[in-house]
Amino acid sequence: MENQDESLVALQELIEVVAKLRSPDGGCPWDLAQTPETLTPYVIEEAYEVVDAIKSGDKSAIVEELGDLLLQVVLQAQIASESGDFSLKEITQG
């Protein structure tokens, strides 16, 4: 079973990857062009895919889809942090 430290390391790695993708210096053009509004369909799609995976009972599908949804949360947080609106810390504390 994974311990809490490993989970935190994995989450930090995801946060760093998203920050690199959004970096004005060498980031991904697609990621840089995104806004909370343009990402809304992806958030909805991923949420529905999580529900479908849960209903199917397929543990590996649930893991994959929750990861996709988590990516959307981290990406939204990164964008909000860049504009000074709020951060992932505030999301997790909420």
N, C-alpha and C. Protein backbone atom coordinates (compact mmCIF):
# COMPACT_ATOMS: atom_id res chain seq x y z
N MET A 1 0.84 -1.19 0.00
CA MET A 1 0.00 0.00 0.00
C MET A 1 0.89 1.25 0.00
N GLU A 2 0.47 2.22 -0.77
CA GLU A 2 1.23 3.46 -0.91
C GLU A 2 1.11 4.29 0.37
N ASN A 3 2.22 4.89 0.76
CA ASN A 3 2.13 5.74 1.94
C ASN A 3 1.85 7.19 1.54
N GLN A 4 1.55 7.99 2.52
CA GLN A 4 1.16 9.39 2.29
C GLN A 4 2.28 10.19 1.62
N ASP A 5 3.53 9.95 2.01
CA ASP A 5 4.65 10.67 1.42
C ASP A 5 4.74 10.41 -0.09
N GLU A 6 4.53 9.15 -0.50
CA GLU A 6 4.57 8.83 -1.93
C GLU A 6 3.45 9.53 -2.68
N SER A 7 2.30 9.62 -2.08
CA SER A 7 1.18 10.32 -2.71
C SER A 7 1.48 11.80 -2.88
N LEU A 8 2.09 12.39 -1.85
CA LEU A 8 2.43 13.81 -1.93
C LEU A 8 3.51 14.07 -2.98
N VAL A 9 4.47 13.16 -3.09
CA VAL A 9 5.52 13.30 -4.11
C VAL A 9 4.89 13.23 -5.50
N ALA A 10 3.99 12.28 -5.70
CA ALA A 10 3.33 12.13 -7.00
C ALA A 10 2.50 13.37 -7.34
N LEU A 11 1.80 13.90 -6.34
CA LEU A 11 1.00 15.11 -6.57
C LEU A 11 1.91 16.29 -6.91
N GLN A 12 3.02 16.42 -6.20
CA GLN A 12 3.96 17.51 -6.49
C GLN A 12 4.51 17.39 -7.90
N GLU A 13 4.79 16.16 -8.35
CA GLU A 13 5.27 15.96 -9.71
C GLU A 13 4.23 16.41 -10.73
N LEU A 14 2.96 16.10 -10.48
CA LEU A 14 1.89 16.54 -11.37
C LEU A 14 1.82 18.07 -11.41
N ILE A 15 1.90 18.69 -10.26
CA ILE A 15 1.86 20.15 -10.17
C ILE A 15 3.00 20.76 -10.98
N GLU A 16 4.18 20.19 -10.86
CA GLU A 16 5.35 20.70 -11.59
C GLU A 16 5.22 20.51 -13.09
N VAL A 17 4.67 19.38 -13.53
CA VAL A 17 4.46 19.15 -14.96
C VAL A 17 3.49 20.18 -15.52
N VAL A 18 2.39 20.42 -14.81
CA VAL A 18 1.39 21.39 -15.27
C VAL A 18 2.01 22.79 -15.32
N ALA A 19 2.81 23.13 -14.32
CA ALA A 19 3.47 24.45 -14.33
C ALA A 19 4.41 24.57 -15.53
N LYS A 20 5.12 23.51 -15.86
CA LYS A 20 6.02 23.54 -17.04
C LYS A 20 5.21 23.70 -18.32
N LEU A 21 4.10 22.99 -18.41
CA LEU A 21 3.26 23.09 -19.61
C LEU A 21 2.71 24.50 -19.79
N ARG A 22 2.48 25.21 -18.68
CA ARG A 22 1.94 26.56 -18.72
C ARG A 22 3.02 27.64 -18.72
N SER A 23 4.28 27.24 -18.69
CA SER A 23 5.37 28.21 -18.62
C SER A 23 5.48 29.01 -19.91
N PRO A 24 5.51 30.34 -19.83
CA PRO A 24 5.69 31.16 -21.03
C PRO A 24 7.03 30.90 -21.71
N ASP A 25 7.96 30.36 -20.97
CA ASP A 25 9.29 30.06 -21.50
C ASP A 25 9.38 28.57 -21.84
N GLY A 26 8.90 28.20 -23.02
CA GLY A 26 9.02 26.82 -23.48
C GLY A 26 7.86 25.92 -23.14
N GLY A 27 6.78 26.48 -22.65
CA GLY A 27 5.61 25.67 -22.35
C GLY A 27 4.91 25.19 -23.62
N CYS A 28 3.88 24.43 -23.43
CA CYS A 28 3.09 23.89 -24.54
C CYS A 28 2.12 24.95 -25.05
N PRO A 29 2.14 25.26 -26.34
CA PRO A 29 1.24 26.28 -26.88
C PRO A 29 -0.24 26.00 -26.58
N TRP A 30 -0.65 24.74 -26.67
CA TRP A 30 -2.05 24.42 -26.39
C TRP A 30 -2.39 24.74 -24.95
N ASP A 31 -1.56 24.29 -24.02
CA ASP A 31 -1.82 24.55 -22.60
C ASP A 31 -1.80 26.04 -22.29
N LEU A 32 -0.88 26.76 -22.89
CA LEU A 32 -0.78 28.20 -22.67
C LEU A 32 -2.01 28.95 -23.17
N ALA A 33 -2.65 28.43 -24.18
CA ALA A 33 -3.82 29.10 -24.76
C ALA A 33 -5.10 28.85 -23.95
N GLN A 34 -5.05 27.93 -23.01
CA GLN A 34 -6.27 27.56 -22.29
C GLN A 34 -6.64 28.58 -21.22
N THR A 35 -7.93 28.68 -21.00
CA THR A 35 -8.51 29.51 -19.95
C THR A 35 -9.47 28.62 -19.15
N PRO A 36 -9.90 29.09 -17.99
CA PRO A 36 -10.90 28.30 -17.27
C PRO A 36 -12.13 27.98 -18.13
N GLU A 37 -12.52 28.93 -18.94
CA GLU A 37 -13.71 28.73 -19.79
C GLU A 37 -13.45 27.69 -20.88
N THR A 38 -12.29 27.75 -21.53
CA THR A 38 -12.03 26.78 -22.61
C THR A 38 -11.86 25.37 -22.07
N LEU A 39 -11.50 25.25 -20.79
CA LEU A 39 -11.30 23.94 -20.19
C LEU A 39 -12.58 23.35 -19.60
N THR A 40 -13.64 24.16 -19.50
CA THR A 40 -14.88 23.70 -18.90
C THR A 40 -15.42 22.41 -19.53
N PRO A 41 -15.44 22.29 -20.85
CA PRO A 41 -15.94 21.03 -21.43
C PRO A 41 -15.11 19.81 -21.00
N TYR A 42 -13.82 20.00 -20.81
CA TYR A 42 -12.96 18.89 -20.39
C TYR A 42 -13.25 18.49 -18.95
N VAL A 43 -13.51 19.47 -18.10
CA VAL A 43 -13.86 19.16 -16.71
C VAL A 43 -15.15 18.34 -16.67
N ILE A 44 -16.13 18.77 -17.43
CA ILE A 44 -17.41 18.06 -17.47
C ILE A 44 -17.22 16.65 -18.04
N GLU A 45 -16.50 16.55 -19.15
CA GLU A 45 -16.25 15.26 -19.78
C GLU A 45 -15.56 14.30 -18.81
N GLU A 46 -14.53 14.79 -18.14
CA GLU A 46 -13.79 13.92 -17.21
C GLU A 46 -14.66 13.50 -16.04
N ALA A 47 -15.51 14.40 -15.55
CA ALA A 47 -16.40 14.04 -14.45
C ALA A 47 -17.36 12.92 -14.88
N TYR A 48 -17.91 13.03 -16.07
CA TYR A 48 -18.79 11.98 -16.58
C TYR A 48 -18.03 10.67 -16.76
N GLU A 49 -16.80 10.75 -17.22
CA GLU A 49 -16.00 9.54 -17.40
C GLU A 49 -15.69 8.87 -16.06
N VAL A 50 -15.49 9.67 -15.01
CA VAL A 50 -15.29 9.11 -13.66
C VAL A 50 -16.55 8.34 -13.25
N VAL A 51 -17.71 8.95 -13.44
CA VAL A 51 -18.97 8.30 -13.07
C VAL A 51 -19.14 7.00 -13.84
N ASP A 52 -18.88 7.02 -15.14
CA ASP A 52 -19.01 5.80 -15.95
C ASP A 52 -18.07 4.71 -15.45
N ALA A 53 -16.84 5.09 -15.12
CA ALA A 53 -15.87 4.11 -14.63
C ALA A 53 -16.33 3.52 -13.30
N ILE A 54 -16.85 4.36 -12.42
CA ILE A 54 -17.34 3.87 -11.14
C ILE A 54 -18.50 2.89 -11.35
N LYS A 55 -19.40 3.26 -12.24
CA LYS A 55 -20.54 2.38 -12.52
C LYS A 55 -20.10 1.05 -13.11
N SER A 56 -19.02 1.06 -13.89
CA SER A 56 -18.53 -0.18 -14.50
C SER A 56 -17.84 -1.08 -13.49
N GLY A 57 -17.35 -0.46 -12.40
CA GLY A 57 -16.64 -1.24 -11.39
C GLY A 57 -15.22 -1.59 -11.78
N ASP A 58 -14.75 -1.06 -12.90
CA ASP A 58 -13.39 -1.34 -13.39
C ASP A 58 -12.40 -0.45 -12.64
N LYS A 59 -11.69 -1.06 -11.70
CA LYS A 59 -10.79 -0.30 -10.82
C LYS A 59 -9.73 0.46 -11.60
N SER A 60 -9.15 -0.15 -12.63
CA SER A 60 -8.11 0.56 -13.40
C SER A 60 -8.70 1.73 -14.16
N ALA A 61 -9.92 1.60 -14.65
CA ALA A 61 -10.58 2.72 -15.34
C ALA A 61 -10.89 3.84 -14.36
N ILE A 62 -11.29 3.48 -13.15
CA ILE A 62 -11.58 4.50 -12.12
C ILE A 62 -10.30 5.29 -11.81
N VAL A 63 -9.21 4.57 -11.63
CA VAL A 63 -7.93 5.23 -11.34
C VAL A 63 -7.56 6.18 -12.47
N GLU A 64 -7.67 5.70 -13.71
CA GLU A 64 -7.30 6.52 -14.86
C GLU A 64 -8.18 7.77 -14.96
N GLU A 65 -9.47 7.60 -14.81
CA GLU A 65 -10.38 8.72 -14.96
C GLU A 65 -10.27 9.72 -13.81
N LEU A 66 -10.04 9.23 -12.59
CA LEU A 66 -9.81 10.15 -11.48
C LEU A 66 -8.52 10.94 -11.71
N GLY A 67 -7.52 10.31 -12.30
CA GLY A 67 -6.29 11.01 -12.63
C GLY A 67 -6.53 12.10 -13.66
N ASP A 68 -7.35 11.80 -14.66
CA ASP A 68 -7.69 12.81 -15.66
C ASP A 68 -8.43 13.98 -15.03
N LEU A 69 -9.34 13.69 -14.11
CA LEU A 69 -10.09 14.75 -13.43
C LEU A 69 -9.16 15.56 -12.53
N LEU A 70 -8.24 14.88 -11.85
CA LEU A 70 -7.27 15.58 -11.01
C LEU A 70 -6.41 16.52 -11.86
N LEU A 71 -6.03 16.09 -13.04
CA LEU A 71 -5.27 16.96 -13.94
C LEU A 71 -6.05 18.23 -14.23
N GLN A 72 -7.35 18.11 -14.46
CA GLN A 72 -8.17 19.28 -14.73
C GLN A 72 -8.20 20.23 -13.52
N VAL A 73 -8.26 19.68 -12.33
CA VAL A 73 -8.26 20.50 -11.12
C VAL A 73 -6.93 21.24 -10.99
N VAL A 74 -5.83 20.51 -11.18
CA VAL A 74 -4.51 21.13 -11.05
C VAL A 74 -4.31 22.19 -12.13
N LEU A 75 -4.77 21.92 -13.33
CA LEU A 75 -4.64 22.89 -14.42
C LEU A 75 -5.46 24.15 -14.14
N GLN A 76 -6.68 23.98 -13.65
CA GLN A 76 -7.49 25.15 -13.28
C GLN A 76 -6.80 25.95 -12.18
N ALA A 77 -6.24 25.25 -11.20
CA ALA A 77 -5.54 25.93 -10.10
C ALA A 77 -4.32 26.68 -10.60
N GLN A 78 -3.59 26.09 -11.53
CA GLN A 78 -2.40 26.75 -12.08
C GLN A 78 -2.79 28.05 -12.80
N ILE A 79 -3.82 27.98 -13.60
CA ILE A 79 -4.28 29.17 -14.32
C ILE A 79 -4.73 30.25 -13.34
N ALA A 80 -5.49 29.85 -12.34
CA ALA A 80 -5.97 30.82 -11.34
C ALA A 80 -4.81 31.42 -10.55
N SER A 81 -3.82 30.60 -10.25
CA SER A 81 -2.65 31.08 -9.52
C SER A 81 -1.87 32.09 -10.35
N GLU A 82 -1.76 31.84 -11.65
CA GLU A 82 -1.03 32.75 -12.53
C GLU A 82 -1.68 34.13 -12.57
N SER A 83 -2.99 34.17 -12.45
CA SER A 83 -3.69 35.46 -12.49
C SER A 83 -3.91 36.04 -11.09
N GLY A 84 -3.41 35.34 -10.07
CA GLY A 84 -3.52 35.84 -8.71
C GLY A 84 -4.89 35.66 -8.07
N ASP A 85 -5.72 34.81 -8.67
CA ASP A 85 -7.08 34.63 -8.14
C ASP A 85 -7.11 33.73 -6.91
N PHE A 86 -6.54 32.54 -7.01
CA PHE A 86 -6.46 31.59 -5.91
C PHE A 86 -5.47 30.52 -6.29
N SER A 87 -5.20 29.62 -5.35
CA SER A 87 -4.17 28.59 -5.59
C SER A 87 -4.71 27.21 -5.25
N LEU A 88 -3.91 26.21 -5.56
CA LEU A 88 -4.26 24.84 -5.21
C LEU A 88 -4.38 24.69 -3.70
N LYS A 89 -3.58 25.41 -2.97
CA LYS A 89 -3.67 25.37 -1.50
C LYS A 89 -5.05 25.77 -1.04
N GLU A 90 -5.57 26.85 -1.61
CA GLU A 90 -6.91 27.30 -1.23
C GLU A 90 -7.97 26.28 -1.61
N ILE A 91 -7.78 25.63 -2.75
CA ILE A 91 -8.72 24.59 -3.18
C ILE A 91 -8.72 23.45 -2.18
N THR A 92 -7.54 22.98 -1.82
CA THR A 92 -7.45 21.84 -0.91
C THR A 92 -7.94 22.19 0.49
N GLN A 93 -7.75 23.43 0.89
CA GLN A 93 -8.24 23.83 2.20
C GLN A 93 -9.76 24.06 2.21
N GLY A 94 -10.31 24.26 1.02
CA GLY A 94 -11.75 24.49 0.90
C GLY A 94 -12.54 23.23 1.07
